[in-house]
Amino acid sequence: MVMTTIYKICPASLWREAERDGAFRGSDADRRDGFIHFSTAEQLAETAKKHFAGQNDLLLVHVDAAQLGGALKWEPSRGRALFPHLYGELALSAVTHVEPLPTQLAKFN
């Protein structure tokens, strides 16, 4: 079985809150939109540039999409590309890795 990894860029303080709570319930923008926004590997650089420019202390959260079940929907967004949206909270058990946002993405070029 091939694992499909999706990604969430998240301020470290918000992720620490999720670790304390046992689940990630989304950012202010996620809650406003009614779902948690994710990106594929190919979408990450543009997502970082568009939504996180100038921010510090960001984490890149790797998530196994298969563990999210039917709550994960692939919907058209920027440029009509399909983006992964999670309708519900993110169980930490679906997270495979958390790291500081890699330098090549953090530059927002």
PDB file of N, CA and C in Angstrom:
ATOM      1  N   MET A   1       0.834  -1.177   0.000  1.00  0.00           N
ATOM      2  CA  MET A   1       0.000   0.000   0.000  1.00  0.00           C
ATOM      3  C   MET A   1       0.883   1.246   0.000  1.00  0.00           C
ATOM      4  N   VAL A   2       0.576   2.168  -0.885  1.00  0.00           N
ATOM      5  CA  VAL A   2       1.335   3.405  -0.998  1.00  0.00           C
ATOM      6  C   VAL A   2       0.714   4.458  -0.088  1.00  0.00           C
ATOM      7  N   MET A   3       1.551   5.097   0.699  1.00  0.00           N
ATOM      8  CA  MET A   3       1.065   6.140   1.588  1.00  0.00           C
ATOM      9  C   MET A   3       1.070   7.468   0.838  1.00  0.00           C
ATOM     10  N   THR A   4      -0.038   8.168   0.886  1.00  0.00           N
ATOM     11  CA  THR A   4      -0.117   9.511   0.339  1.00  0.00           C
ATOM     12  C   THR A   4       0.060  10.489   1.491  1.00  0.00           C
ATOM     13  N   THR A   5       1.109  11.273   1.408  1.00  0.00           N
ATOM     14  CA  THR A   5       1.378  12.256   2.451  1.00  0.00           C
ATOM     15  C   THR A   5       0.851  13.613   2.005  1.00  0.00           C
ATOM     16  N   ILE A   6       0.126  14.258   2.897  1.00  0.00           N
ATOM     17  CA  ILE A   6      -0.300  15.634   2.697  1.00  0.00           C
ATOM     18  C   ILE A   6       0.337  16.462   3.808  1.00  0.00           C
ATOM     19  N   TYR A   7       0.326  17.781   3.645  1.00  0.00           N
ATOM     20  CA  TYR A   7       1.103  18.636   4.531  1.00  0.00           C
ATOM     21  C   TYR A   7       0.290  19.810   5.046  1.00  0.00           C
ATOM     22  N   LYS A   8       0.593  20.193   6.276  1.00  0.00           N
ATOM     23  CA  LYS A   8       0.008  21.378   6.895  1.00  0.00           C
ATOM     24  C   LYS A   8       1.147  22.261   7.383  1.00  0.00           C
ATOM     25  N   ILE A   9       1.158  23.519   6.956  1.00  0.00           N
ATOM     26  CA  ILE A   9       2.095  24.495   7.501  1.00  0.00           C
ATOM     27  C   ILE A   9       1.397  25.130   8.696  1.00  0.00           C
ATOM     28  N   CYS A  10       2.106  25.148   9.810  1.00  0.00           N
ATOM     29  CA  CYS A  10       1.445  25.524  11.055  1.00  0.00           C
ATOM     30  C   CYS A  10       2.416  26.287  11.953  1.00  0.00           C
ATOM     31  N   PRO A  11       1.970  27.375  12.558  1.00  0.00           N
ATOM     32  CA  PRO A  11       2.816  28.024  13.562  1.00  0.00           C
ATOM     33  C   PRO A  11       3.120  27.055  14.710  1.00  0.00           C
ATOM     34  N   ALA A  12       4.340  27.081  15.197  1.00  0.00           N
ATOM     35  CA  ALA A  12       4.747  26.157  16.259  1.00  0.00           C
ATOM     36  C   ALA A  12       3.857  26.278  17.487  1.00  0.00           C
ATOM     37  N   SER A  13       3.452  27.485  17.836  1.00  0.00           N
ATOM     38  CA  SER A  13       2.614  27.667  19.022  1.00  0.00           C
ATOM     39  C   SER A  13       1.256  26.977  18.865  1.00  0.00           C
ATOM     40  N   LEU A  14       0.703  27.011  17.676  1.00  0.00           N
ATOM     41  CA  LEU A  14      -0.572  26.358  17.417  1.00  0.00           C
ATOM     42  C   LEU A  14      -0.416  24.831  17.454  1.00  0.00           C
ATOM     43  N   TRP A  15       0.722  24.344  16.968  1.00  0.00           N
ATOM     44  CA  TRP A  15       0.957  22.897  17.014  1.00  0.00           C
ATOM     45  C   TRP A  15       1.159  22.420  18.451  1.00  0.00           C
ATOM     46  N   ARG A  16       1.853  23.199  19.264  1.00  0.00           N
ATOM     47  CA  ARG A  16       2.030  22.823  20.672  1.00  0.00           C
ATOM     48  C   ARG A  16       0.668  22.728  21.371  1.00  0.00           C
ATOM     49  N   GLU A  17      -0.234  23.619  21.020  1.00  0.00           N
ATOM     50  CA  GLU A  17      -1.594  23.569  21.560  1.00  0.00           C
ATOM     51  C   GLU A  17      -2.286  22.262  21.135  1.00  0.00           C
ATOM     52  N   ALA A  18      -2.106  21.865  19.898  1.00  0.00           N
ATOM     53  CA  ALA A  18      -2.698  20.612  19.413  1.00  0.00           C
ATOM     54  C   ALA A  18      -2.124  19.415  20.170  1.00  0.00           C
ATOM     55  N   GLU A  19      -0.831  19.439  20.425  1.00  0.00           N
ATOM     56  CA  GLU A  19      -0.213  18.342  21.175  1.00  0.00           C
ATOM     57  C   GLU A  19      -0.776  18.274  22.595  1.00  0.00           C
ATOM     58  N   ARG A  20      -1.009  19.400  23.207  1.00  0.00           N
ATOM     59  CA  ARG A  20      -1.610  19.413  24.548  1.00  0.00           C
ATOM     60  C   ARG A  20      -3.043  18.886  24.520  1.00  0.00           C
ATOM     61  N   ASP A  21      -3.805  19.272  23.472  1.00  0.00           N
ATOM     62  CA  ASP A  21      -5.216  18.903  23.361  1.00  0.00           C
ATOM     63  C   ASP A  21      -5.433  17.491  22.816  1.00  0.00           C
ATOM     64  N   GLY A  22      -4.410  16.933  22.167  1.00  0.00           N
ATOM     65  CA  GLY A  22      -4.544  15.592  21.588  1.00  0.00           C
ATOM     66  C   GLY A  22      -5.122  15.580  20.182  1.00  0.00           C
ATOM     67  N   ALA A  23      -5.397  16.751  19.599  1.00  0.00           N
ATOM     68  CA  ALA A  23      -5.907  16.850  18.231  1.00  0.00           C
ATOM     69  C   ALA A  23      -5.666  18.269  17.724  1.00  0.00           C
ATOM     70  N   PHE A  24      -5.519  18.393  16.418  1.00  0.00           N
ATOM     71  CA  PHE A  24      -5.375  19.702  15.785  1.00  0.00           C
ATOM     72  C   PHE A  24      -6.735  20.105  15.243  1.00  0.00           C
ATOM     73  N   ARG A  25      -7.215  21.243  15.699  1.00  0.00           N
ATOM     74  CA  ARG A  25      -8.553  21.699  15.310  1.00  0.00           C
ATOM     75  C   ARG A  25      -8.516  22.814  14.281  1.00  0.00           C
ATOM     76  N   GLY A  26      -7.329  23.156  13.819  1.00  0.00           N
ATOM     77  CA  GLY A  26      -7.195  24.126  12.745  1.00  0.00           C
ATOM     78  C   GLY A  26      -6.801  25.507  13.203  1.00  0.00           C
ATOM     79  N   SER A  27      -6.391  26.287  12.225  1.00  0.00           N
ATOM     80  CA  SER A  27      -6.040  27.688  12.440  1.00  0.00           C
ATOM     81  C   SER A  27      -7.308  28.535  12.387  1.00  0.00           C
ATOM     82  N   ASP A  28      -7.168  29.819  12.610  1.00  0.00           N
ATOM     83  CA  ASP A  28      -8.321  30.713  12.481  1.00  0.00           C
ATOM     84  C   ASP A  28      -8.911  30.619  11.073  1.00  0.00           C
ATOM     85  N   ALA A  29      -8.051  30.591  10.049  1.00  0.00           N
ATOM     86  CA  ALA A  29      -8.533  30.496   8.663  1.00  0.00           C
ATOM     87  C   ALA A  29      -9.245  29.166   8.423  1.00  0.00           C
ATOM     88  N   ASP A  30      -8.713  28.086   8.985  1.00  0.00           N
ATOM     89  CA  ASP A  30      -9.356  26.774   8.839  1.00  0.00           C
ATOM     90  C   ASP A  30     -10.757  26.796   9.451  1.00  0.00           C
ATOM     91  N   ARG A  31     -10.836  27.307  10.661  1.00  0.00           N
ATOM     92  CA  ARG A  31     -12.134  27.340  11.349  1.00  0.00           C
ATOM     93  C   ARG A  31     -13.119  28.242  10.607  1.00  0.00           C
ATOM     94  N   ARG A  32     -12.634  29.348  10.079  1.00  0.00           N
ATOM     95  CA  ARG A  32     -13.495  30.252   9.302  1.00  0.00           C
ATOM     96  C   ARG A  32     -14.056  29.538   8.063  1.00  0.00           C
ATOM     97  N   ASP A  33     -13.214  28.742   7.397  1.00  0.00           N
ATOM     98  CA  ASP A  33     -13.623  28.067   6.165  1.00  0.00           C
ATOM     99  C   ASP A  33     -14.368  26.760   6.405  1.00  0.00           C
ATOM    100  N   GLY A  34     -14.320  26.235   7.627  1.00  0.00           N
ATOM    101  CA  GLY A  34     -15.063  25.020   7.953  1.00  0.00           C
ATOM    102  C   GLY A  34     -14.323  23.727   7.679  1.00  0.00           C
ATOM    103  N   PHE A  35     -13.038  23.826   7.377  1.00  0.00           N
ATOM    104  CA  PHE A  35     -12.215  22.629   7.153  1.00  0.00           C
ATOM    105  C   PHE A  35     -10.755  22.999   7.367  1.00  0.00           C
ATOM    106  N   ILE A  36      -9.915  21.975   7.567  1.00  0.00           N
ATOM    107  CA  ILE A  36      -8.482  22.199   7.721  1.00  0.00           C
ATOM    108  C   ILE A  36      -7.845  22.108   6.341  1.00  0.00           C
ATOM    109  N   HIS A  37      -7.122  23.160   5.973  1.00  0.00           N
ATOM    110  CA  HIS A  37      -6.435  23.236   4.684  1.00  0.00           C
ATOM    111  C   HIS A  37      -5.135  22.431   4.727  1.00  0.00           C
ATOM    112  N   PHE A  38      -4.920  21.618   3.716  1.00  0.00           N
ATOM    113  CA  PHE A  38      -3.658  20.898   3.531  1.00  0.00           C
ATOM    114  C   PHE A  38      -3.149  21.173   2.132  1.00  0.00           C
ATOM    115  N   SER A  39      -1.921  20.779   1.870  1.00  0.00           N
ATOM    116  CA  SER A  39      -1.320  20.889   0.547  1.00  0.00           C
ATOM    117  C   SER A  39      -0.624  19.584   0.209  1.00  0.00           C
ATOM    118  N   THR A  40      -0.468  19.337  -1.087  1.00  0.00           N
ATOM    119  CA  THR A  40       0.380  18.245  -1.537  1.00  0.00           C
ATOM    120  C   THR A  40       1.815  18.767  -1.584  1.00  0.00           C
ATOM    121  N   ALA A  41       2.766  17.881  -1.812  1.00  0.00           N
ATOM    122  CA  ALA A  41       4.165  18.297  -1.907  1.00  0.00           C
ATOM    123  C   ALA A  41       4.344  19.335  -3.013  1.00  0.00           C
ATOM    124  N   GLU A  42       3.639  19.155  -4.119  1.00  0.00           N
ATOM    125  CA  GLU A  42       3.758  20.061  -5.257  1.00  0.00           C
ATOM    126  C   GLU A  42       3.143  21.433  -4.968  1.00  0.00           C
ATOM    127  N   GLN A  43       2.231  21.512  -4.046  1.00  0.00           N
ATOM    128  CA  GLN A  43       1.535  22.759  -3.729  1.00  0.00           C
ATOM    129  C   GLN A  43       2.181  23.549  -2.591  1.00  0.00           C
ATOM    130  N   LEU A  44       3.114  22.934  -1.892  1.00  0.00           N
ATOM    131  CA  LEU A  44       3.661  23.544  -0.670  1.00  0.00           C
ATOM    132  C   LEU A  44       4.317  24.900  -0.876  1.00  0.00           C
ATOM    133  N   ALA A  45       5.167  25.036  -1.875  1.00  0.00           N
ATOM    134  CA  ALA A  45       5.899  26.296  -2.053  1.00  0.00           C
ATOM    135  C   ALA A  45       4.940  27.457  -2.286  1.00  0.00           C
ATOM    136  N   GLU A  46       3.949  27.259  -3.120  1.00  0.00           N
ATOM    137  CA  GLU A  46       2.987  28.332  -3.392  1.00  0.00           C
ATOM    138  C   GLU A  46       2.135  28.624  -2.163  1.00  0.00           C
ATOM    139  N   THR A  47       1.751  27.586  -1.427  1.00  0.00           N
ATOM    140  CA  THR A  47       0.987  27.792  -0.191  1.00  0.00           C
ATOM    141  C   THR A  47       1.808  28.613   0.804  1.00  0.00           C
ATOM    142  N   ALA A  48       3.073  28.265   0.969  1.00  0.00           N
ATOM    143  CA  ALA A  48       3.949  29.003   1.886  1.00  0.00           C
ATOM    144  C   ALA A  48       4.046  30.464   1.472  1.00  0.00           C
ATOM    145  N   LYS A  49       4.242  30.696   0.197  1.00  0.00           N
ATOM    146  CA  LYS A  49       4.389  32.061  -0.315  1.00  0.00           C
ATOM    147  C   LYS A  49       3.102  32.865  -0.137  1.00  0.00           C
ATOM    148  N   LYS A  50       1.984  32.258  -0.463  1.00  0.00           N
ATOM    149  CA  LYS A  50       0.704  32.970  -0.456  1.00  0.00           C
ATOM    150  C   LYS A  50       0.167  33.230   0.957  1.00  0.00           C
ATOM    151  N   HIS A  51       0.341  32.265   1.860  1.00  0.00           N
ATOM    152  CA  HIS A  51      -0.326  32.357   3.161  1.00  0.00           C
ATOM    153  C   HIS A  51       0.594  32.543   4.367  1.00  0.00           C
ATOM    154  N   PHE A  52       1.909  32.357   4.193  1.00  0.00           N
ATOM    155  CA  PHE A  52       2.793  32.385   5.360  1.00  0.00           C
ATOM    156  C   PHE A  52       4.005  33.299   5.197  1.00  0.00           C
ATOM    157  N   ALA A  53       4.020  34.113   4.166  1.00  0.00           N
ATOM    158  CA  ALA A  53       5.153  35.014   3.928  1.00  0.00           C
ATOM    159  C   ALA A  53       5.388  35.904   5.144  1.00  0.00           C
ATOM    160  N   GLY A  54       6.649  36.007   5.544  1.00  0.00           N
ATOM    161  CA  GLY A  54       7.022  36.875   6.644  1.00  0.00           C
ATOM    162  C   GLY A  54       6.813  36.296   8.026  1.00  0.00           C
ATOM    163  N   GLN A  55       6.236  35.107   8.117  1.00  0.00           N
ATOM    164  CA  GLN A  55       6.009  34.492   9.427  1.00  0.00           C
ATOM    165  C   GLN A  55       7.213  33.654   9.834  1.00  0.00           C
ATOM    166  N   ASN A  56       7.461  33.609  11.119  1.00  0.00           N
ATOM    167  CA  ASN A  56       8.570  32.828  11.666  1.00  0.00           C
ATOM    168  C   ASN A  56       8.024  31.683  12.504  1.00  0.00           C
ATOM    169  N   ASP A  57       8.917  30.768  12.871  1.00  0.00           N
ATOM    170  CA  ASP A  57       8.593  29.669  13.775  1.00  0.00           C
ATOM    171  C   ASP A  57       7.457  28.803  13.229  1.00  0.00           C
ATOM    172  N   LEU A  58       7.594  28.417  11.952  1.00  0.00           N
ATOM    173  CA  LEU A  58       6.593  27.575  11.299  1.00  0.00           C
ATOM    174  C   LEU A  58       7.050  26.124  11.263  1.00  0.00           C
ATOM    175  N   LEU A  59       6.085  25.235  11.362  1.00  0.00           N
ATOM    176  CA  LEU A  59       6.344  23.802  11.274  1.00  0.00           C
ATOM    177  C   LEU A  59       5.682  23.235  10.031  1.00  0.00           C
ATOM    178  N   LEU A  60       6.260  22.159   9.529  1.00  0.00           N
ATOM    179  CA  LEU A  60       5.667  21.405   8.441  1.00  0.00           C
ATOM    180  C   LEU A  60       5.214  20.071   9.018  1.00  0.00           C
ATOM    181  N   VAL A  61       3.907  19.858   9.014  1.00  0.00           N
ATOM    182  CA  VAL A  61       3.305  18.658   9.586  1.00  0.00           C
ATOM    183  C   VAL A  61       2.990  17.698   8.443  1.00  0.00           C
ATOM    184  N   HIS A  62       3.548  16.489   8.521  1.00  0.00           N
ATOM    185  CA  HIS A  62       3.329  15.451   7.508  1.00  0.00           C
ATOM    186  C   HIS A  62       2.195  14.556   8.000  1.00  0.00           C
ATOM    187  N   VAL A  63       1.226  14.297   7.134  1.00  0.00           N
ATOM    188  CA  VAL A  63       0.040  13.541   7.527  1.00  0.00           C
ATOM    189  C   VAL A  63      -0.216  12.422   6.523  1.00  0.00           C
ATOM    190  N   ASP A  64      -0.510  11.238   7.040  1.00  0.00           N
ATOM    191  CA  ASP A  64      -0.900  10.095   6.208  1.00  0.00           C
ATOM    192  C   ASP A  64      -2.367  10.259   5.833  1.00  0.00           C
ATOM    193  N   ALA A  65      -2.615  10.644   4.586  1.00  0.00           N
ATOM    194  CA  ALA A  65      -3.983  10.936   4.133  1.00  0.00           C
ATOM    195  C   ALA A  65      -4.917   9.737   4.280  1.00  0.00           C
ATOM    196  N   ALA A  66      -4.393   8.538   4.142  1.00  0.00           N
ATOM    197  CA  ALA A  66      -5.233   7.334   4.211  1.00  0.00           C
ATOM    198  C   ALA A  66      -5.881   7.175   5.586  1.00  0.00           C
ATOM    199  N   GLN A  67      -5.269   7.729   6.610  1.00  0.00           N
ATOM    200  CA  GLN A  67      -5.815   7.600   7.961  1.00  0.00           C
ATOM    201  C   GLN A  67      -6.957   8.564   8.249  1.00  0.00           C
ATOM    202  N   LEU A  68      -7.249   9.458   7.312  1.00  0.00           N
ATOM    203  CA  LEU A  68      -8.267  10.482   7.552  1.00  0.00           C
ATOM    204  C   LEU A  68      -9.656  10.062   7.093  1.00  0.00           C
ATOM    205  N   GLY A  69      -9.734   8.988   6.339  1.00  0.00           N
ATOM    206  CA  GLY A  69     -11.026   8.447   5.939  1.00  0.00           C
ATOM    207  C   GLY A  69     -11.856   9.414   5.109  1.00  0.00           C
ATOM    208  N   GLY A  70     -13.165   9.285   5.241  1.00  0.00           N
ATOM    209  CA  GLY A  70     -14.101  10.063   4.449  1.00  0.00           C
ATOM    210  C   GLY A  70     -14.170  11.529   4.800  1.00  0.00           C
ATOM    211  N   ALA A  71     -13.542  11.934   5.911  1.00  0.00           N
ATOM    212  CA  ALA A  71     -13.544  13.349   6.291  1.00  0.00           C
ATOM    213  C   ALA A  71     -12.612  14.170   5.402  1.00  0.00           C
ATOM    214  N   LEU A  72     -11.719  13.494   4.655  1.00  0.00           N
ATOM    215  CA  LEU A  72     -10.800  14.179   3.747  1.00  0.00           C
ATOM    216  C   LEU A  72     -11.430  14.265   2.367  1.00  0.00           C
ATOM    217  N   LYS A  73     -11.545  15.467   1.867  1.00  0.00           N
ATOM    218  CA  LYS A  73     -12.110  15.719   0.537  1.00  0.00           C
ATOM    219  C   LYS A  73     -11.069  16.432  -0.315  1.00  0.00           C
ATOM    220  N   TRP A  74     -10.999  16.052  -1.585  1.00  0.00           N
ATOM    221  CA  TRP A  74     -10.111  16.718  -2.541  1.00  0.00           C
ATOM    222  C   TRP A  74     -10.981  17.666  -3.349  1.00  0.00           C
ATOM    223  N   GLU A  75     -10.741  18.979  -3.157  1.00  0.00           N
ATOM    224  CA  GLU A  75     -11.623  19.972  -3.753  1.00  0.00           C
ATOM    225  C   GLU A  75     -10.824  21.016  -4.538  1.00  0.00           C
ATOM    226  N   PRO A  76     -11.432  21.542  -5.611  1.00  0.00           N
ATOM    227  CA  PRO A  76     -10.733  22.564  -6.402  1.00  0.00           C
ATOM    228  C   PRO A  76     -10.539  23.842  -5.603  1.00  0.00           C
ATOM    229  N   SER A  77      -9.366  24.428  -5.771  1.00  0.00           N
ATOM    230  CA  SER A  77      -9.054  25.688  -5.108  1.00  0.00           C
ATOM    231  C   SER A  77      -8.198  26.497  -6.058  1.00  0.00           C
ATOM    232  N   ARG A  78      -7.077  27.006  -5.563  1.00  0.00           N
ATOM    233  CA  ARG A  78      -6.191  27.868  -6.341  1.00  0.00           C
ATOM    234  C   ARG A  78      -5.882  27.266  -7.714  1.00  0.00           C
ATOM    235  N   GLY A  79      -6.205  27.999  -8.772  1.00  0.00           N
ATOM    236  CA  GLY A  79      -5.928  27.527 -10.123  1.00  0.00           C
ATOM    237  C   GLY A  79      -6.702  26.280 -10.494  1.00  0.00           C
ATOM    238  N   ARG A  80      -7.785  26.015  -9.801  1.00  0.00           N
ATOM    239  CA  ARG A  80      -8.631  24.847 -10.019  1.00  0.00           C
ATOM    240  C   ARG A  80      -7.929  23.518  -9.678  1.00  0.00           C
ATOM    241  N   ALA A  81      -6.758  23.595  -9.056  1.00  0.00           N
ATOM    242  CA  ALA A  81      -6.058  22.387  -8.611  1.00  0.00           C
ATOM    243  C   ALA A  81      -6.824  21.786  -7.433  1.00  0.00           C
ATOM    244  N   LEU A  82      -6.763  20.474  -7.303  1.00  0.00           N
ATOM    245  CA  LEU A  82      -7.415  19.791  -6.184  1.00  0.00           C
ATOM    246  C   LEU A  82      -6.529  19.878  -4.948  1.00  0.00           C
ATOM    247  N   PHE A  83      -7.117  20.366  -3.877  1.00  0.00           N
ATOM    248  CA  PHE A  83      -6.419  20.479  -2.599  1.00  0.00           C
ATOM    249  C   PHE A  83      -7.109  19.587  -1.575  1.00  0.00           C
ATOM    250  N   PRO A  84      -6.338  18.995  -0.658  1.00  0.00           N
ATOM    251  CA  PRO A  84      -6.931  18.186   0.405  1.00  0.00           C
ATOM    252  C   PRO A  84      -7.490  19.068   1.523  1.00  0.00           C
ATOM    253  N   HIS A  85      -8.750  18.833   1.845  1.00  0.00           N
ATOM    254  CA  HIS A  85      -9.438  19.563   2.917  1.00  0.00           C
ATOM    255  C   HIS A  85     -10.013  18.554   3.898  1.00  0.00           C
ATOM    256  N   LEU A  86      -9.734  18.733   5.166  1.00  0.00           N
ATOM    257  CA  LEU A  86     -10.218  17.819   6.198  1.00  0.00           C
ATOM    258  C   LEU A  86     -11.390  18.453   6.931  1.00  0.00           C
ATOM    259  N   TYR A  87     -12.540  17.802   6.840  1.00  0.00           N
ATOM    260  CA  TYR A  87     -13.747  18.266   7.525  1.00  0.00           C
ATOM    261  C   TYR A  87     -13.832  17.561   8.877  1.00  0.00           C
ATOM    262  N   GLY A  88     -13.181  18.153   9.843  1.00  0.00           N
ATOM    263  CA  GLY A  88     -13.106  17.597  11.181  1.00  0.00           C
ATOM    264  C   GLY A  88     -11.731  17.879  11.739  1.00  0.00           C
ATOM    265  N   GLU A  89     -11.489  17.414  12.932  1.00  0.00           N
ATOM    266  CA  GLU A  89     -10.182  17.650  13.542  1.00  0.00           C
ATOM    267  C   GLU A  89      -9.181  16.617  13.059  1.00  0.00           C
ATOM    268  N   LEU A  90      -7.916  16.977  13.144  1.00  0.00           N
ATOM    269  CA  LEU A  90      -6.825  16.093  12.755  1.00  0.00           C
ATOM    270  C   LEU A  90      -6.365  15.311  13.975  1.00  0.00           C
ATOM    271  N   ALA A  91      -6.582  14.006  13.941  1.00  0.00           N
ATOM    272  CA  ALA A  91      -6.085  13.140  15.012  1.00  0.00           C
ATOM    273  C   ALA A  91      -4.566  13.066  14.901  1.00  0.00           C
ATOM    274  N   LEU A  92      -3.888  13.222  16.011  1.00  0.00           N
ATOM    275  CA  LEU A  92      -2.421  13.202  15.982  1.00  0.00           C
ATOM    276  C   LEU A  92      -1.877  11.847  15.546  1.00  0.00           C
ATOM    277  N   SER A  93      -2.672  10.807  15.646  1.00  0.00           N
ATOM    278  CA  SER A  93      -2.240   9.478  15.201  1.00  0.00           C
ATOM    279  C   SER A  93      -2.015   9.416  13.691  1.00  0.00           C
ATOM    280  N   ALA A  94      -2.589  10.352  12.927  1.00  0.00           N
ATOM    281  CA  ALA A  94      -2.401  10.392  11.473  1.00  0.00           C
ATOM    282  C   ALA A  94      -1.131  11.148  11.081  1.00  0.00           C
ATOM    283  N   VAL A  95      -0.499  11.807  12.041  1.00  0.00           N
ATOM    284  CA  VAL A  95       0.709  12.586  11.784  1.00  0.00           C
ATOM    285  C   VAL A  95       1.913  11.656  11.789  1.00  0.00           C
ATOM    286  N   THR A  96       2.695  11.719  10.711  1.00  0.00           N
ATOM    287  CA  THR A  96       3.861  10.846  10.601  1.00  0.00           C
ATOM    288  C   THR A  96       5.170  11.552  10.947  1.00  0.00           C
ATOM    289  N   HIS A  97       5.179  12.872  10.863  1.00  0.00           N
ATOM    290  CA  HIS A  97       6.424  13.615  11.105  1.00  0.00           C
ATOM    291  C   HIS A  97       6.090  15.096  11.261  1.00  0.00           C
ATOM    292  N   VAL A  98       6.828  15.771  12.131  1.00  0.00           N
ATOM    293  CA  VAL A  98       6.719  17.220  12.282  1.00  0.00           C
ATOM    294  C   VAL A  98       8.140  17.767  12.287  1.00  0.00           C
ATOM    295  N   GLU A  99       8.372  18.803  11.478  1.00  0.00           N
ATOM    296  CA  GLU A  99       9.710  19.388  11.381  1.00  0.00           C
ATOM    297  C   GLU A  99       9.588  20.893  11.168  1.00  0.00           C
ATOM    298  N   PRO A 100      10.658  21.623  11.471  1.00  0.00           N
ATOM    299  CA  PRO A 100      10.645  23.046  11.114  1.00  0.00           C
ATOM    300  C   PRO A 100      10.440  23.169   9.607  1.00  0.00           C
ATOM    301  N   LEU A 101       9.742  24.211   9.185  1.00  0.00           N
ATOM    302  CA  LEU A 101       9.518  24.407   7.764  1.00  0.00           C
ATOM    303  C   LEU A 101      10.866  24.438   7.059  1.00  0.00           C
ATOM    304  N   PRO A 102      11.087  23.556   6.079  1.00  0.00           N
ATOM    305  CA  PRO A 102      12.394  23.505   5.404  1.00  0.00           C
ATOM    306  C   PRO A 102      12.790  24.850   4.808  1.00  0.00           C
ATOM    307  N   THR A 103      14.074  25.121   4.832  1.00  0.00           N
ATOM    308  CA  THR A 103      14.620  26.396   4.383  1.00  0.00           C
ATOM    309  C   THR A 103      14.158  26.756   2.979  1.00  0.00           C
ATOM    310  N   GLN A 104      14.127  25.790   2.065  1.00  0.00           N
ATOM    311  CA  GLN A 104      13.754  26.104   0.682  1.00  0.00           C
ATOM    312  C   GLN A 104      12.306  26.577   0.593  1.00  0.00           C
ATOM    313  N   LEU A 105      11.450  26.158   1.508  1.00  0.00           N
ATOM    314  CA  LEU A 105      10.070  26.661   1.524  1.00  0.00           C
ATOM    315  C   LEU A 105       9.979  27.949   2.324  1.00  0.00           C
ATOM    316  N   ALA A 106      10.770  28.059   3.364  1.00  0.00           N
ATOM    317  CA  ALA A 106      10.698  29.225   4.245  1.00  0.00           C
ATOM    318  C   ALA A 106      11.156  30.503   3.551  1.00  0.00           C
ATOM    319  N   LYS A 107      11.905  30.378   2.469  1.00  0.00           N
ATOM    320  CA  LYS A 107      12.374  31.572   1.744  1.00  0.00           C
ATOM    321  C   LYS A 107      11.243  32.235   0.981  1.00  0.00           C
ATOM    322  N   PHE A 108      10.194  31.493   0.651  1.00  0.00           N
ATOM    323  CA  PHE A 108       9.036  32.042  -0.054  1.00  0.00           C
ATOM    324  C   PHE A 108       9.422  32.688  -1.374  1.00  0.00           C
ATOM    325  N   ASN A 109      10.312  32.080  -2.105  1.00  0.00           N
ATOM    326  CA  ASN A 109      10.712  32.609  -3.417  1.00  0.00           C
ATOM    327  C   ASN A 109       9.774  32.146  -4.499  1.00  0.00           C
TER     328      ASN A 109
END
